[in-house]
Amino acid sequence: MKFAVLVQEGPYHHQSSDSAYQFVTAAMDKRHEIIGVFFYHDGVINSSKLADIQADDRNITKRWSEVGEKGVDLVVCIAAAKRRGINDDVLAPGFRISGLGQLTEMAIKSDRLVTFGA
């Protein structure tokens, strides 16, 4: 099955980002295809490399970057990113900025669009 994933919450606000990450990695382990992960609203904060994470805490941005290294397209909504001060200079590895058209394209190419967050 082909999945597209929409993440709408920041990495430390709710469990949505963790749940999305766990869903994506579990789906990949089961040999499902992840068309892409689209970060929208506060979800764009997942892409920022500026967070100073303590050594004993989980680094969600690093986890997403590792997913991107496996070939999953990690797309950050440009409008939501600009509103939150995120640009190409602060993106973590594996993320890229694009428009809502990318979300539409992911939804068309996938069998299911799975949403995490409000």
N, C-alpha and C. Protein backbone atom coordinates (compact mmCIF):
# COMPACT_ATOMS: atom_id res chain seq x y z
N MET A 1 0.83 -1.17 0.00
CA MET A 1 0.00 0.00 0.00
C MET A 1 0.89 1.25 0.00
N LYS A 2 0.41 2.29 -0.63
CA LYS A 2 1.12 3.56 -0.70
C LYS A 2 0.46 4.56 0.26
N PHE A 3 1.28 5.15 1.14
CA PHE A 3 0.77 6.11 2.11
C PHE A 3 1.40 7.48 1.90
N ALA A 4 0.60 8.50 2.12
CA ALA A 4 1.09 9.87 2.28
C ALA A 4 0.72 10.25 3.71
N VAL A 5 1.59 11.03 4.35
CA VAL A 5 1.38 11.38 5.76
C VAL A 5 1.38 12.90 5.90
N LEU A 6 0.43 13.40 6.69
CA LEU A 6 0.32 14.82 6.98
C LEU A 6 0.54 15.02 8.48
N VAL A 7 1.53 15.83 8.84
CA VAL A 7 1.85 16.12 10.24
C VAL A 7 1.53 17.59 10.50
N GLN A 8 0.63 17.84 11.47
CA GLN A 8 0.16 19.21 11.72
C GLN A 8 0.52 19.75 13.10
N GLU A 9 1.27 19.02 13.88
CA GLU A 9 1.64 19.46 15.23
C GLU A 9 3.16 19.50 15.37
N GLY A 10 3.62 20.38 16.24
CA GLY A 10 5.05 20.51 16.50
C GLY A 10 5.60 19.29 17.22
N PRO A 11 6.92 19.19 17.28
CA PRO A 11 7.55 17.99 17.82
C PRO A 11 7.38 17.77 19.31
N TYR A 12 7.13 18.81 20.06
CA TYR A 12 7.04 18.65 21.51
C TYR A 12 5.74 19.20 22.09
N HIS A 13 4.76 19.50 21.24
CA HIS A 13 3.47 20.01 21.71
C HIS A 13 2.53 18.88 22.10
N HIS A 14 2.43 17.89 21.25
CA HIS A 14 1.54 16.75 21.43
C HIS A 14 2.30 15.51 20.97
N GLN A 15 1.66 14.39 21.00
CA GLN A 15 2.32 13.16 20.57
C GLN A 15 2.18 12.92 19.07
N SER A 16 1.55 13.84 18.35
CA SER A 16 1.26 13.63 16.93
C SER A 16 2.51 13.35 16.10
N SER A 17 3.57 14.10 16.32
CA SER A 17 4.79 13.90 15.54
C SER A 17 5.41 12.54 15.84
N ASP A 18 5.45 12.18 17.13
CA ASP A 18 5.96 10.86 17.50
C ASP A 18 5.12 9.75 16.87
N SER A 19 3.79 9.91 16.93
CA SER A 19 2.90 8.89 16.36
C SER A 19 3.08 8.78 14.86
N ALA A 20 3.23 9.92 14.19
CA ALA A 20 3.45 9.91 12.74
C ALA A 20 4.76 9.21 12.41
N TYR A 21 5.80 9.53 13.15
CA TYR A 21 7.10 8.90 12.94
C TYR A 21 7.00 7.38 13.13
N GLN A 22 6.34 6.96 14.19
CA GLN A 22 6.18 5.53 14.46
C GLN A 22 5.37 4.85 13.37
N PHE A 23 4.33 5.53 12.88
CA PHE A 23 3.53 4.98 11.79
C PHE A 23 4.39 4.80 10.54
N VAL A 24 5.14 5.83 10.18
CA VAL A 24 5.96 5.79 8.97
C VAL A 24 7.01 4.68 9.06
N THR A 25 7.71 4.58 10.18
CA THR A 25 8.74 3.55 10.29
C THR A 25 8.13 2.15 10.31
N ALA A 26 6.99 1.98 10.96
CA ALA A 26 6.32 0.67 10.97
C ALA A 26 5.84 0.30 9.58
N ALA A 27 5.30 1.25 8.85
CA ALA A 27 4.84 0.99 7.48
C ALA A 27 6.02 0.61 6.58
N MET A 28 7.14 1.31 6.74
CA MET A 28 8.31 0.98 5.94
C MET A 28 8.84 -0.41 6.30
N ASP A 29 8.81 -0.76 7.58
CA ASP A 29 9.25 -2.10 8.01
C ASP A 29 8.39 -3.19 7.39
N LYS A 30 7.12 -2.87 7.14
CA LYS A 30 6.19 -3.84 6.55
C LYS A 30 6.20 -3.76 5.02
N ARG A 31 7.15 -3.03 4.47
CA ARG A 31 7.36 -2.90 3.03
C ARG A 31 6.28 -2.10 2.31
N HIS A 32 5.58 -1.23 3.04
CA HIS A 32 4.66 -0.31 2.40
C HIS A 32 5.48 0.87 1.87
N GLU A 33 4.94 1.55 0.88
CA GLU A 33 5.63 2.71 0.31
C GLU A 33 5.11 3.99 0.95
N ILE A 34 6.03 4.84 1.37
CA ILE A 34 5.67 6.15 1.89
C ILE A 34 5.94 7.16 0.77
N ILE A 35 4.88 7.69 0.18
CA ILE A 35 5.00 8.64 -0.91
C ILE A 35 5.69 9.90 -0.42
N GLY A 36 5.36 10.33 0.79
CA GLY A 36 5.98 11.51 1.37
C GLY A 36 5.32 11.88 2.67
N VAL A 37 5.99 12.76 3.41
CA VAL A 37 5.46 13.31 4.66
C VAL A 37 5.39 14.82 4.46
N PHE A 38 4.20 15.38 4.66
CA PHE A 38 3.99 16.81 4.49
C PHE A 38 3.78 17.43 5.87
N PHE A 39 4.59 18.44 6.18
CA PHE A 39 4.52 19.12 7.47
C PHE A 39 3.79 20.45 7.28
N TYR A 40 2.70 20.63 8.03
CA TYR A 40 1.81 21.77 7.85
C TYR A 40 1.48 22.37 9.21
N HIS A 41 1.01 23.61 9.24
CA HIS A 41 0.73 24.34 10.48
C HIS A 41 1.95 24.25 11.40
N ASP A 42 1.75 23.97 12.70
CA ASP A 42 2.89 23.87 13.62
C ASP A 42 3.78 22.67 13.32
N GLY A 43 3.32 21.77 12.47
CA GLY A 43 4.12 20.62 12.09
C GLY A 43 5.43 21.01 11.42
N VAL A 44 5.48 22.21 10.85
CA VAL A 44 6.72 22.65 10.18
C VAL A 44 7.87 22.80 11.17
N ILE A 45 7.55 22.96 12.45
CA ILE A 45 8.60 23.12 13.47
C ILE A 45 9.45 21.84 13.57
N ASN A 46 8.90 20.71 13.15
CA ASN A 46 9.66 19.46 13.13
C ASN A 46 10.90 19.56 12.25
N SER A 47 10.91 20.49 11.31
CA SER A 47 12.01 20.58 10.34
C SER A 47 13.15 21.48 10.79
N SER A 48 13.02 22.17 11.90
CA SER A 48 14.03 23.14 12.32
C SER A 48 15.20 22.48 13.03
N LYS A 49 16.40 22.82 12.57
CA LYS A 49 17.61 22.30 13.21
C LYS A 49 18.05 23.17 14.38
N LEU A 50 17.29 24.20 14.70
CA LEU A 50 17.69 25.14 15.74
C LEU A 50 17.37 24.68 17.16
N ALA A 51 16.57 23.66 17.32
CA ALA A 51 16.23 23.19 18.67
C ALA A 51 17.48 22.65 19.37
N ASP A 52 17.61 22.95 20.64
CA ASP A 52 18.73 22.49 21.45
C ASP A 52 18.22 21.37 22.36
N ILE A 53 18.33 20.14 21.88
CA ILE A 53 17.76 18.99 22.56
C ILE A 53 18.75 18.44 23.58
N GLN A 54 18.29 18.19 24.80
CA GLN A 54 19.14 17.58 25.81
C GLN A 54 19.48 16.15 25.42
N ALA A 55 20.61 15.68 25.87
CA ALA A 55 21.11 14.36 25.49
C ALA A 55 20.16 13.23 25.89
N ASP A 56 19.42 13.41 26.98
CA ASP A 56 18.55 12.33 27.45
C ASP A 56 17.11 12.44 26.91
N ASP A 57 16.87 13.37 25.99
CA ASP A 57 15.54 13.54 25.40
C ASP A 57 15.57 13.05 23.96
N ARG A 58 14.42 12.70 23.45
CA ARG A 58 14.34 12.23 22.06
C ARG A 58 14.49 13.42 21.12
N ASN A 59 15.16 13.21 20.02
CA ASN A 59 15.36 14.25 19.03
C ASN A 59 14.50 13.90 17.82
N ILE A 60 13.30 14.44 17.81
CA ILE A 60 12.34 14.09 16.77
C ILE A 60 12.80 14.56 15.40
N THR A 61 13.40 15.74 15.34
CA THR A 61 13.88 16.25 14.06
C THR A 61 14.93 15.32 13.47
N LYS A 62 15.83 14.83 14.31
CA LYS A 62 16.86 13.89 13.85
C LYS A 62 16.21 12.59 13.34
N ARG A 63 15.19 12.13 14.05
CA ARG A 63 14.48 10.92 13.61
C ARG A 63 13.87 11.12 12.22
N TRP A 64 13.24 12.28 12.01
CA TRP A 64 12.67 12.56 10.69
C TRP A 64 13.77 12.64 9.64
N SER A 65 14.89 13.25 9.96
CA SER A 65 15.99 13.33 9.00
C SER A 65 16.47 11.95 8.59
N GLU A 66 16.50 11.02 9.54
CA GLU A 66 16.89 9.65 9.24
C GLU A 66 15.88 8.98 8.29
N VAL A 67 14.61 9.30 8.44
CA VAL A 67 13.60 8.80 7.51
C VAL A 67 13.85 9.38 6.12
N GLY A 68 14.19 10.66 6.07
CA GLY A 68 14.51 11.29 4.79
C GLY A 68 15.71 10.67 4.11
N GLU A 69 16.69 10.23 4.91
CA GLU A 69 17.87 9.57 4.36
C GLU A 69 17.52 8.25 3.69
N LYS A 70 16.39 7.68 4.06
CA LYS A 70 15.94 6.41 3.46
C LYS A 70 15.12 6.64 2.19
N GLY A 71 15.07 7.89 1.75
CA GLY A 71 14.41 8.19 0.48
C GLY A 71 12.99 8.72 0.59
N VAL A 72 12.50 8.96 1.79
CA VAL A 72 11.16 9.51 1.95
C VAL A 72 11.22 11.02 1.77
N ASP A 73 10.31 11.55 0.97
CA ASP A 73 10.23 12.98 0.71
C ASP A 73 9.62 13.68 1.92
N LEU A 74 10.39 14.57 2.56
CA LEU A 74 9.93 15.32 3.73
C LEU A 74 9.70 16.77 3.28
N VAL A 75 8.43 17.14 3.13
CA VAL A 75 8.07 18.42 2.55
C VAL A 75 7.48 19.34 3.62
N VAL A 76 7.99 20.55 3.67
CA VAL A 76 7.56 21.57 4.64
C VAL A 76 6.76 22.63 3.89
N CYS A 77 5.56 22.92 4.36
CA CYS A 77 4.70 23.93 3.73
C CYS A 77 5.36 25.30 3.81
N ILE A 78 5.53 25.94 2.67
CA ILE A 78 6.24 27.22 2.63
C ILE A 78 5.50 28.32 3.39
N ALA A 79 4.19 28.40 3.27
CA ALA A 79 3.43 29.46 3.94
C ALA A 79 3.49 29.29 5.46
N ALA A 80 3.28 28.07 5.92
CA ALA A 80 3.34 27.80 7.36
C ALA A 80 4.75 28.01 7.90
N ALA A 81 5.75 27.64 7.11
CA ALA A 81 7.14 27.82 7.53
C ALA A 81 7.50 29.30 7.66
N LYS A 82 7.12 30.09 6.68
CA LYS A 82 7.43 31.53 6.72
C LYS A 82 6.79 32.19 7.93
N ARG A 83 5.56 31.80 8.26
CA ARG A 83 4.89 32.37 9.43
C ARG A 83 5.62 32.05 10.72
N ARG A 84 6.39 30.99 10.72
CA ARG A 84 7.08 30.54 11.93
C ARG A 84 8.59 30.77 11.87
N GLY A 85 9.03 31.54 10.90
CA GLY A 85 10.44 31.91 10.81
C GLY A 85 11.35 30.80 10.31
N ILE A 86 10.78 29.84 9.60
CA ILE A 86 11.58 28.72 9.09
C ILE A 86 11.84 28.95 7.61
N ASN A 87 13.11 28.88 7.24
CA ASN A 87 13.50 29.00 5.84
C ASN A 87 14.58 27.95 5.55
N ASP A 88 15.11 27.98 4.35
CA ASP A 88 16.11 26.97 3.96
C ASP A 88 17.33 26.95 4.87
N ASP A 89 17.66 28.10 5.47
CA ASP A 89 18.84 28.19 6.33
C ASP A 89 18.71 27.39 7.63
N VAL A 90 17.49 27.16 8.08
CA VAL A 90 17.29 26.47 9.36
C VAL A 90 16.73 25.06 9.20
N LEU A 91 16.57 24.61 7.97
CA LEU A 91 16.05 23.25 7.74
C LEU A 91 17.08 22.19 8.13
N ALA A 92 16.60 21.18 8.80
CA ALA A 92 17.44 20.02 9.11
C ALA A 92 17.65 19.21 7.83
N PRO A 93 18.66 18.36 7.80
CA PRO A 93 18.91 17.54 6.61
C PRO A 93 17.70 16.68 6.25
N GLY A 94 17.44 16.57 4.95
CA GLY A 94 16.37 15.72 4.46
C GLY A 94 15.06 16.43 4.21
N PHE A 95 14.89 17.62 4.76
CA PHE A 95 13.66 18.38 4.57
C PHE A 95 13.81 19.33 3.40
N ARG A 96 12.67 19.65 2.77
CA ARG A 96 12.66 20.67 1.73
C ARG A 96 11.37 21.47 1.84
N ILE A 97 11.40 22.70 1.38
CA ILE A 97 10.25 23.58 1.44
C ILE A 97 9.54 23.58 0.09
N SER A 98 8.21 23.49 0.13
CA SER A 98 7.41 23.54 -1.09
C SER A 98 6.00 23.99 -0.72
N GLY A 99 5.13 24.03 -1.70
CA GLY A 99 3.78 24.52 -1.49
C GLY A 99 2.76 23.40 -1.26
N LEU A 100 1.52 23.83 -1.04
CA LEU A 100 0.43 22.88 -0.78
C LEU A 100 0.16 21.96 -1.97
N GLY A 101 0.60 22.36 -3.15
CA GLY A 101 0.45 21.50 -4.32
C GLY A 101 1.13 20.15 -4.12
N GLN A 102 2.22 20.15 -3.34
CA GLN A 102 2.93 18.89 -3.05
C GLN A 102 2.05 17.95 -2.24
N LEU A 103 1.27 18.51 -1.29
CA LEU A 103 0.36 17.69 -0.51
C LEU A 103 -0.70 17.07 -1.42
N THR A 104 -1.23 17.85 -2.32
CA THR A 104 -2.22 17.35 -3.27
C THR A 104 -1.64 16.24 -4.13
N GLU A 105 -0.43 16.44 -4.60
CA GLU A 105 0.23 15.42 -5.42
C GLU A 105 0.46 14.13 -4.63
N MET A 106 0.89 14.27 -3.37
CA MET A 106 1.08 13.09 -2.53
C MET A 106 -0.24 12.33 -2.34
N ALA A 107 -1.30 13.09 -2.10
CA ALA A 107 -2.61 12.46 -1.89
C ALA A 107 -3.08 11.72 -3.13
N ILE A 108 -2.83 12.29 -4.29
CA ILE A 108 -3.24 11.65 -5.55
C ILE A 108 -2.45 10.37 -5.80
N LYS A 109 -1.14 10.40 -5.52
CA LYS A 109 -0.28 9.25 -5.79
C LYS A 109 -0.43 8.13 -4.77
N SER A 110 -1.00 8.43 -3.61
CA SER A 110 -1.08 7.42 -2.54
C SER A 110 -2.43 6.72 -2.53
N ASP A 111 -2.47 5.59 -1.83
CA ASP A 111 -3.74 4.90 -1.59
C ASP A 111 -4.47 5.51 -0.40
N ARG A 112 -3.71 6.03 0.55
CA ARG A 112 -4.28 6.61 1.78
C ARG A 112 -3.45 7.82 2.19
N LEU A 113 -4.16 8.85 2.65
CA LEU A 113 -3.52 10.00 3.29
C LEU A 113 -3.85 9.89 4.76
N VAL A 114 -2.82 9.75 5.59
CA VAL A 114 -2.99 9.59 7.03
C VAL A 114 -2.57 10.90 7.69
N THR A 115 -3.45 11.44 8.53
CA THR A 115 -3.23 12.74 9.16
C THR A 115 -2.95 12.59 10.65
N PHE A 116 -1.97 13.32 11.13
CA PHE A 116 -1.63 13.34 12.56
C PHE A 116 -1.69 14.78 13.04
N GLY A 117 -2.51 15.03 14.05
CA GLY A 117 -2.65 16.37 14.62
C GLY A 117 -3.95 17.01 14.19
N ALA A 118 -4.25 18.11 14.85
CA ALA A 118 -5.53 18.79 14.62
C ALA A 118 -5.55 19.54 13.32
